[in-house]
């Protein structure tokens, strides 16, 4: 537990926030909520596509990792009692 930099539920909360925030760009462009938006960054002669579905998926990943970590820590704590 001391080695964990962030509490697992904080990781989950950040994931929910990121997943919800990924719908905002479509709101500002006047499209339906969660309509995918794409941006293309050019870094060192390489085109890097970024999209709102990518940020949504990263948010879902963080929710899953945080939830599973929280469950594992709770089971470990329960087992040591």
PDB file of N, CA and C in Angstrom:
ATOM      1  N   UNK A   1       0.814  -1.198   0.000  1.00  0.00           N
ATOM      2  CA  UNK A   1       0.000   0.000   0.000  1.00  0.00           C
ATOM      3  C   UNK A   1       0.856   1.259   0.000  1.00  0.00           C
ATOM      4  N   UNK A   2       2.004   1.197   0.650  1.00  0.00           N
ATOM      5  CA  UNK A   2       2.870   2.378   0.706  1.00  0.00           C
ATOM      6  C   UNK A   2       3.485   2.684  -0.647  1.00  0.00           C
ATOM      7  N   UNK A   3       3.604   1.701  -1.511  1.00  0.00           N
ATOM      8  CA  UNK A   3       4.227   1.902  -2.819  1.00  0.00           C
ATOM      9  C   UNK A   3       3.269   2.524  -3.836  1.00  0.00           C
ATOM     10  N   UNK A   4       1.988   2.538  -3.544  1.00  0.00           N
ATOM     11  CA  UNK A   4       1.001   3.078  -4.480  1.00  0.00           C
ATOM     12  C   UNK A   4       0.976   4.597  -4.358  1.00  0.00           C
ATOM     13  N   UNK A   5       1.203   5.277  -5.466  1.00  0.00           N
ATOM     14  CA  UNK A   5       1.254   6.743  -5.456  1.00  0.00           C
ATOM     15  C   UNK A   5      -0.142   7.363  -5.327  1.00  0.00           C
ATOM     16  N   UNK A   6      -1.149   6.733  -5.939  1.00  0.00           N
ATOM     17  CA  UNK A   6      -2.513   7.263  -5.907  1.00  0.00           C
ATOM     18  C   UNK A   6      -3.457   6.188  -5.391  1.00  0.00           C
ATOM     19  N   UNK A   7      -4.477   6.610  -4.681  1.00  0.00           N
ATOM     20  CA  UNK A   7      -5.489   5.667  -4.215  1.00  0.00           C
ATOM     21  C   UNK A   7      -6.237   5.115  -5.433  1.00  0.00           C
ATOM     22  N   UNK A   8      -6.535   3.819  -5.460  1.00  0.00           N
ATOM     23  CA  UNK A   8      -7.202   3.241  -6.632  1.00  0.00           C
ATOM     24  C   UNK A   8      -8.535   3.906  -6.988  1.00  0.00           C
ATOM     25  N   UNK A   9      -9.277   4.348  -5.990  1.00  0.00           N
ATOM     26  CA  UNK A   9     -10.550   4.995  -6.301  1.00  0.00           C
ATOM     27  C   UNK A   9     -10.328   6.377  -6.920  1.00  0.00           C
ATOM     28  N   UNK A  10      -9.206   7.013  -6.624  1.00  0.00           N
ATOM     29  CA  UNK A  10      -8.872   8.274  -7.284  1.00  0.00           C
ATOM     30  C   UNK A  10      -8.571   8.035  -8.759  1.00  0.00           C
ATOM     31  N   UNK A  11      -7.932   6.921  -9.045  1.00  0.00           N
ATOM     32  CA  UNK A  11      -7.662   6.558 -10.444  1.00  0.00           C
ATOM     33  C   UNK A  11      -8.983   6.322 -11.174  1.00  0.00           C
ATOM     34  N   UNK A  12      -9.904   5.625 -10.521  1.00  0.00           N
ATOM     35  CA  UNK A  12     -11.221   5.387 -11.121  1.00  0.00           C
ATOM     36  C   UNK A  12     -11.968   6.694 -11.346  1.00  0.00           C
ATOM     37  N   UNK A  13     -11.913   7.586 -10.369  1.00  0.00           N
ATOM     38  CA  UNK A  13     -12.598   8.879 -10.508  1.00  0.00           C
ATOM     39  C   UNK A  13     -12.008   9.693 -11.657  1.00  0.00           C
ATOM     40  N   UNK A  14     -10.697   9.669 -11.809  1.00  0.00           N
ATOM     41  CA  UNK A  14     -10.064  10.369 -12.924  1.00  0.00           C
ATOM     42  C   UNK A  14     -10.497   9.763 -14.252  1.00  0.00           C
ATOM     43  N   UNK A  15     -10.669   8.449 -14.294  1.00  0.00           N
ATOM     44  CA  UNK A  15     -11.133   7.787 -15.506  1.00  0.00           C
ATOM     45  C   UNK A  15     -12.551   8.176 -15.872  1.00  0.00           C
ATOM     46  N   UNK A  16     -13.423   8.235 -14.875  1.00  0.00           N
ATOM     47  CA  UNK A  16     -14.811   8.655 -15.134  1.00  0.00           C
ATOM     48  C   UNK A  16     -14.838  10.093 -15.631  1.00  0.00           C
ATOM     49  N   UNK A  17     -14.014  10.933 -15.012  1.00  0.00           N
ATOM     50  CA  UNK A  17     -13.942  12.342 -15.427  1.00  0.00           C
ATOM     51  C   UNK A  17     -13.443  12.457 -16.874  1.00  0.00           C
ATOM     52  N   UNK A  18     -12.390  11.721 -17.207  1.00  0.00           N
ATOM     53  CA  UNK A  18     -11.838  11.770 -18.566  1.00  0.00           C
ATOM     54  C   UNK A  18     -12.832  11.232 -19.591  1.00  0.00           C
ATOM     55  N   UNK A  19     -13.523  10.146 -19.251  1.00  0.00           N
ATOM     56  CA  UNK A  19     -14.503   9.583 -20.176  1.00  0.00           C
ATOM     57  C   UNK A  19     -15.657  10.561 -20.410  1.00  0.00           C
ATOM     58  N   UNK A  20     -16.106  11.208 -19.349  1.00  0.00           N
ATOM     59  CA  UNK A  20     -17.176  12.190 -19.502  1.00  0.00           C
ATOM     60  C   UNK A  20     -16.716  13.434 -20.254  1.00  0.00           C
ATOM     61  N   UNK A  21     -15.484  13.834 -19.990  1.00  0.00           N
ATOM     62  CA  UNK A  21     -14.922  15.014 -20.640  1.00  0.00           C
ATOM     63  C   UNK A  21     -14.713  14.795 -22.133  1.00  0.00           C
ATOM     64  N   UNK A  22     -14.578  13.558 -22.549  1.00  0.00           N
ATOM     65  CA  UNK A  22     -14.345  13.284 -23.968  1.00  0.00           C
ATOM     66  C   UNK A  22     -15.558  13.632 -24.837  1.00  0.00           C
ATOM     67  N   UNK A  23     -16.705  13.838 -24.241  1.00  0.00           N
ATOM     68  CA  UNK A  23     -17.881  14.243 -25.004  1.00  0.00           C
ATOM     69  C   UNK A  23     -17.990  15.738 -25.224  1.00  0.00           C
ATOM     70  N   UNK A  24     -17.195  16.516 -24.499  1.00  0.00           N
ATOM     71  CA  UNK A  24     -17.308  17.968 -24.566  1.00  0.00           C
ATOM     72  C   UNK A  24     -16.938  18.574 -25.921  1.00  0.00           C
ATOM     73  N   UNK A  25     -15.919  18.098 -26.632  1.00  0.00           N
ATOM     74  CA  UNK A  25     -15.606  18.734 -27.920  1.00  0.00           C
ATOM     75  C   UNK A  25     -16.774  18.708 -28.906  1.00  0.00           C
ATOM     76  N   UNK A  26     -17.552  17.652 -28.917  1.00  0.00           N
ATOM     77  CA  UNK A  26     -18.704  17.614 -29.827  1.00  0.00           C
ATOM     78  C   UNK A  26     -19.773  18.616 -29.395  1.00  0.00           C
ATOM     79  N   UNK A  27     -19.873  18.870 -28.106  1.00  0.00           N
ATOM     80  CA  UNK A  27     -20.820  19.861 -27.597  1.00  0.00           C
ATOM     81  C   UNK A  27     -20.467  21.254 -28.122  1.00  0.00           C
ATOM     82  N   UNK A  28     -19.170  21.554 -28.138  1.00  0.00           N
ATOM     83  CA  UNK A  28     -18.741  22.880 -28.584  1.00  0.00           C
ATOM     84  C   UNK A  28     -18.801  23.051 -30.095  1.00  0.00           C
ATOM     85  N   UNK A  29     -18.832  21.956 -30.842  1.00  0.00           N
ATOM     86  CA  UNK A  29     -18.944  22.059 -32.291  1.00  0.00           C
ATOM     87  C   UNK A  29     -20.392  21.985 -32.770  1.00  0.00           C
ATOM     88  N   UNK A  30     -21.330  21.842 -31.833  1.00  0.00           N
ATOM     89  CA  UNK A  30     -22.744  21.816 -32.197  1.00  0.00           C
ATOM     90  C   UNK A  30     -23.232  20.470 -32.696  1.00  0.00           C
ATOM     91  N   UNK A  31     -22.461  19.422 -32.449  1.00  0.00           N
ATOM     92  CA  UNK A  31     -22.869  18.082 -32.871  1.00  0.00           C
ATOM     93  C   UNK A  31     -23.463  17.330 -31.693  1.00  0.00           C
ATOM     94  N   UNK A  32     -23.975  16.142 -31.968  1.00  0.00           N
ATOM     95  CA  UNK A  32     -24.553  15.325 -30.908  1.00  0.00           C
ATOM     96  C   UNK A  32     -23.479  14.931 -29.902  1.00  0.00           C
ATOM     97  N   UNK A  33     -23.905  14.743 -28.648  1.00  0.00           N
ATOM     98  CA  UNK A  33     -22.991  14.368 -27.568  1.00  0.00           C
ATOM     99  C   UNK A  33     -22.252  13.082 -27.927  1.00  0.00           C
ATOM    100  N   UNK A  34     -20.966  13.046 -27.663  1.00  0.00           N
ATOM    101  CA  UNK A  34     -20.086  11.907 -27.899  1.00  0.00           C
ATOM    102  C   UNK A  34     -19.869  11.611 -29.385  1.00  0.00           C
ATOM    103  N   UNK A  35     -20.129  12.589 -30.264  1.00  0.00           N
ATOM    104  CA  UNK A  35     -19.742  12.430 -31.663  1.00  0.00           C
ATOM    105  C   UNK A  35     -18.226  12.541 -31.720  1.00  0.00           C
ATOM    106  N   UNK A  36     -17.580  11.610 -32.396  1.00  0.00           N
ATOM    107  CA  UNK A  36     -16.121  11.590 -32.361  1.00  0.00           C
ATOM    108  C   UNK A  36     -15.530  12.780 -33.108  1.00  0.00           C
ATOM    109  N   UNK A  37     -14.473  13.300 -32.539  1.00  0.00           N
ATOM    110  CA  UNK A  37     -13.722  14.412 -33.115  1.00  0.00           C
ATOM    111  C   UNK A  37     -12.283  13.949 -33.294  1.00  0.00           C
ATOM    112  N   UNK A  38     -11.641  14.420 -34.333  1.00  0.00           N
ATOM    113  CA  UNK A  38     -10.262  14.016 -34.625  1.00  0.00           C
ATOM    114  C   UNK A  38      -9.378  15.235 -34.750  1.00  0.00           C
ATOM    115  N   UNK A  39      -8.164  15.116 -34.222  1.00  0.00           N
ATOM    116  CA  UNK A  39      -7.131  16.132 -34.355  1.00  0.00           C
ATOM    117  C   UNK A  39      -5.866  15.435 -34.822  1.00  0.00           C
ATOM    118  N   UNK A  40      -5.111  16.116 -35.627  1.00  0.00           N
ATOM    119  CA  UNK A  40      -3.871  15.551 -36.158  1.00  0.00           C
ATOM    120  C   UNK A  40      -2.706  16.449 -35.749  1.00  0.00           C
ATOM    121  N   UNK A  41      -1.829  15.901 -34.940  1.00  0.00           N
ATOM    122  CA  UNK A  41      -0.629  16.616 -34.525  1.00  0.00           C
ATOM    123  C   UNK A  41       0.532  16.187 -35.418  1.00  0.00           C
ATOM    124  N   UNK A  42       1.374  17.124 -35.754  1.00  0.00           N
ATOM    125  CA  UNK A  42       2.556  16.815 -36.551  1.00  0.00           C
ATOM    126  C   UNK A  42       3.770  17.011 -35.656  1.00  0.00           C
ATOM    127  N   UNK A  43       4.352  15.905 -35.222  1.00  0.00           N
ATOM    128  CA  UNK A  43       5.508  15.933 -34.337  1.00  0.00           C
ATOM    129  C   UNK A  43       6.676  15.237 -35.009  1.00  0.00           C
ATOM    130  N   UNK A  44       7.741  15.967 -35.238  1.00  0.00           N
ATOM    131  CA  UNK A  44       8.967  15.424 -35.825  1.00  0.00           C
ATOM    132  C   UNK A  44       8.680  14.646 -37.121  1.00  0.00           C
ATOM    133  N   UNK A  45       7.957  15.273 -38.019  1.00  0.00           N
ATOM    134  CA  UNK A  45       7.615  14.685 -39.315  1.00  0.00           C
ATOM    135  C   UNK A  45       6.756  13.427 -39.216  1.00  0.00           C
ATOM    136  N   UNK A  46       6.063  13.264 -38.113  1.00  0.00           N
ATOM    137  CA  UNK A  46       5.161  12.128 -37.924  1.00  0.00           C
ATOM    138  C   UNK A  46       3.785  12.683 -37.577  1.00  0.00           C
ATOM    139  N   UNK A  47       2.783  12.193 -38.286  1.00  0.00           N
ATOM    140  CA  UNK A  47       1.414  12.615 -38.001  1.00  0.00           C
ATOM    141  C   UNK A  47       0.824  11.716 -36.921  1.00  0.00           C
ATOM    142  N   UNK A  48       0.385  12.333 -35.820  1.00  0.00           N
ATOM    143  CA  UNK A  48      -0.178  11.595 -34.694  1.00  0.00           C
ATOM    144  C   UNK A  48      -1.661  11.927 -34.605  1.00  0.00           C
ATOM    145  N   UNK A  49      -2.531  10.970 -34.920  1.00  0.00           N
ATOM    146  CA  UNK A  49      -3.962  11.244 -34.812  1.00  0.00           C
ATOM    147  C   UNK A  49      -4.446  11.085 -33.365  1.00  0.00           C
ATOM    148  N   UNK A  50      -5.182  12.052 -32.885  1.00  0.00           N
ATOM    149  CA  UNK A  50      -5.813  11.996 -31.568  1.00  0.00           C
ATOM    150  C   UNK A  50      -7.309  12.110 -31.769  1.00  0.00           C
ATOM    151  N   UNK A  51      -8.060  11.384 -30.972  1.00  0.00           N
ATOM    152  CA  UNK A  51      -9.511  11.411 -31.139  1.00  0.00           C
ATOM    153  C   UNK A  51     -10.192  11.330 -29.782  1.00  0.00           C
ATOM    154  N   UNK A  52     -11.447  11.745 -29.757  1.00  0.00           N
ATOM    155  CA  UNK A  52     -12.211  11.643 -28.518  1.00  0.00           C
ATOM    156  C   UNK A  52     -12.481  10.187 -28.133  1.00  0.00           C
ATOM    157  N   UNK A  53     -12.675   9.252 -29.073  1.00  0.00           N
ATOM    158  CA  UNK A  53     -12.812   7.859 -28.646  1.00  0.00           C
ATOM    159  C   UNK A  53     -11.557   7.335 -27.938  1.00  0.00           C
ATOM    160  N   UNK A  54     -10.390   7.808 -28.332  1.00  0.00           N
ATOM    161  CA  UNK A  54      -9.151   7.420 -27.660  1.00  0.00           C
ATOM    162  C   UNK A  54      -9.183   7.859 -26.204  1.00  0.00           C
ATOM    163  N   UNK A  55      -9.581   9.105 -25.943  1.00  0.00           N
ATOM    164  CA  UNK A  55      -9.648   9.603 -24.576  1.00  0.00           C
ATOM    165  C   UNK A  55     -10.740   8.888 -23.775  1.00  0.00           C
ATOM    166  N   UNK A  56     -11.852   8.556 -24.424  1.00  0.00           N
ATOM    167  CA  UNK A  56     -12.903   7.796 -23.753  1.00  0.00           C
ATOM    168  C   UNK A  56     -12.382   6.414 -23.351  1.00  0.00           C
ATOM    169  N   UNK A  57     -11.690   5.746 -24.255  1.00  0.00           N
ATOM    170  CA  UNK A  57     -11.152   4.418 -23.964  1.00  0.00           C
ATOM    171  C   UNK A  57     -10.105   4.457 -22.858  1.00  0.00           C
ATOM    172  N   UNK A  58      -9.271   5.486 -22.844  1.00  0.00           N
ATOM    173  CA  UNK A  58      -8.295   5.627 -21.766  1.00  0.00           C
ATOM    174  C   UNK A  58      -9.014   5.826 -20.438  1.00  0.00           C
ATOM    175  N   UNK A  59     -10.096   6.604 -20.441  1.00  0.00           N
ATOM    176  CA  UNK A  59     -10.885   6.794 -19.221  1.00  0.00           C
ATOM    177  C   UNK A  59     -11.491   5.498 -18.725  1.00  0.00           C
ATOM    178  N   UNK A  60     -12.030   4.697 -19.627  1.00  0.00           N
ATOM    179  CA  UNK A  60     -12.601   3.402 -19.237  1.00  0.00           C
ATOM    180  C   UNK A  60     -11.512   2.494 -18.693  1.00  0.00           C
ATOM    181  N   UNK A  61     -10.332   2.518 -19.315  1.00  0.00           N
ATOM    182  CA  UNK A  61      -9.201   1.723 -18.836  1.00  0.00           C
ATOM    183  C   UNK A  61      -8.837   2.118 -17.404  1.00  0.00           C
ATOM    184  N   UNK A  62      -8.787   3.414 -17.126  1.00  0.00           N
ATOM    185  CA  UNK A  62      -8.458   3.870 -15.781  1.00  0.00           C
ATOM    186  C   UNK A  62      -9.514   3.445 -14.763  1.00  0.00           C
ATOM    187  N   UNK A  63     -10.780   3.468 -15.153  1.00  0.00           N
ATOM    188  CA  UNK A  63     -11.842   3.008 -14.257  1.00  0.00           C
ATOM    189  C   UNK A  63     -11.661   1.534 -13.932  1.00  0.00           C
ATOM    190  N   UNK A  64     -11.373   0.727 -14.928  1.00  0.00           N
ATOM    191  CA  UNK A  64     -11.204  -0.711 -14.709  1.00  0.00           C
ATOM    192  C   UNK A  64      -9.977  -0.983 -13.840  1.00  0.00           C
ATOM    193  N   UNK A  65      -8.857  -0.343 -14.150  1.00  0.00           N
ATOM    194  CA  UNK A  65      -7.635  -0.562 -13.364  1.00  0.00           C
ATOM    195  C   UNK A  65      -7.840  -0.115 -11.923  1.00  0.00           C
ATOM    196  N   UNK A  66      -8.438   1.033 -11.727  1.00  0.00           N
ATOM    197  CA  UNK A  66      -8.685   1.520 -10.366  1.00  0.00           C
ATOM    198  C   UNK A  66      -9.642   0.629  -9.600  1.00  0.00           C
ATOM    199  N   UNK A  67     -10.675   0.151 -10.246  1.00  0.00           N
ATOM    200  CA  UNK A  67     -11.648  -0.717  -9.575  1.00  0.00           C
ATOM    201  C   UNK A  67     -11.041  -2.060  -9.205  1.00  0.00           C
ATOM    202  N   UNK A  68     -10.334  -2.672 -10.128  1.00  0.00           N
ATOM    203  CA  UNK A  68      -9.707  -3.968  -9.860  1.00  0.00           C
ATOM    204  C   UNK A  68      -8.647  -3.828  -8.768  1.00  0.00           C
ATOM    205  N   UNK A  69      -7.884  -2.747  -8.802  1.00  0.00           N
ATOM    206  CA  UNK A  69      -6.877  -2.519  -7.761  1.00  0.00           C
ATOM    207  C   UNK A  69      -7.526  -2.327  -6.402  1.00  0.00           C
ATOM    208  N   UNK A  70      -8.615  -1.594  -6.370  1.00  0.00           N
ATOM    209  CA  UNK A  70      -9.328  -1.372  -5.113  1.00  0.00           C
ATOM    210  C   UNK A  70      -9.887  -2.678  -4.555  1.00  0.00           C
ATOM    211  N   UNK A  71     -10.435  -3.505  -5.427  1.00  0.00           N
ATOM    212  CA  UNK A  71     -10.967  -4.805  -4.997  1.00  0.00           C
ATOM    213  C   UNK A  71      -9.836  -5.693  -4.490  1.00  0.00           C
ATOM    214  N   UNK A  72      -8.710  -5.703  -5.210  1.00  0.00           N
ATOM    215  CA  UNK A  72      -7.575  -6.534  -4.789  1.00  0.00           C
ATOM    216  C   UNK A  72      -7.035  -6.081  -3.442  1.00  0.00           C
ATOM    217  N   UNK A  73      -6.942  -4.783  -3.219  1.00  0.00           N
ATOM    218  CA  UNK A  73      -6.464  -4.289  -1.937  1.00  0.00           C
ATOM    219  C   UNK A  73      -7.449  -4.599  -0.813  1.00  0.00           C
ATOM    220  N   UNK A  74      -8.734  -4.513  -1.107  1.00  0.00           N
ATOM    221  CA  UNK A  74      -9.739  -4.844  -0.097  1.00  0.00           C
ATOM    222  C   UNK A  74      -9.683  -6.329   0.256  1.00  0.00           C
ATOM    223  N   UNK A  75      -9.489  -7.189  -0.732  1.00  0.00           N
ATOM    224  CA  UNK A  75      -9.374  -8.621  -0.462  1.00  0.00           C
ATOM    225  C   UNK A  75      -8.101  -8.932   0.317  1.00  0.00           C
ATOM    226  N   UNK A  76      -7.027  -8.268  -0.002  1.00  0.00           N
ATOM    227  CA  UNK A  76      -5.773  -8.475   0.708  1.00  0.00           C
ATOM    228  C   UNK A  76      -5.905  -8.031   2.161  1.00  0.00           C
ATOM    229  N   UNK A  77      -6.566  -6.923   2.386  1.00  0.00           N
ATOM    230  CA  UNK A  77      -6.778  -6.420   3.742  1.00  0.00           C
ATOM    231  C   UNK A  77      -7.673  -7.369   4.522  1.00  0.00           C
ATOM    232  N   UNK A  78      -8.678  -7.860   3.894  1.00  0.00           N
ATOM    233  CA  UNK A  78      -9.633  -8.770   4.539  1.00  0.00           C
ATOM    234  C   UNK A  78      -8.941 -10.096   4.901  1.00  0.00           C
ATOM    235  N   UNK A  79      -8.043 -10.541   4.031  1.00  0.00           N
ATOM    236  CA  UNK A  79      -7.359 -11.807   4.236  1.00  0.00           C
ATOM    237  C   UNK A  79      -6.380 -11.747   5.405  1.00  0.00           C
ATOM    238  N   UNK A  80      -5.786 -10.594   5.649  1.00  0.00           N
ATOM    239  CA  UNK A  80      -4.787 -10.465   6.702  1.00  0.00           C
ATOM    240  C   UNK A  80      -5.406 -10.311   8.083  1.00  0.00           C
ATOM    241  N   UNK A  81      -6.712 -10.084   8.171  1.00  0.00           N
ATOM    242  CA  UNK A  81      -7.385  -9.951   9.479  1.00  0.00           C
ATOM    243  C   UNK A  81      -7.454 -11.222  10.242  1.00  0.00           C
TER     244      UNK A  81
END
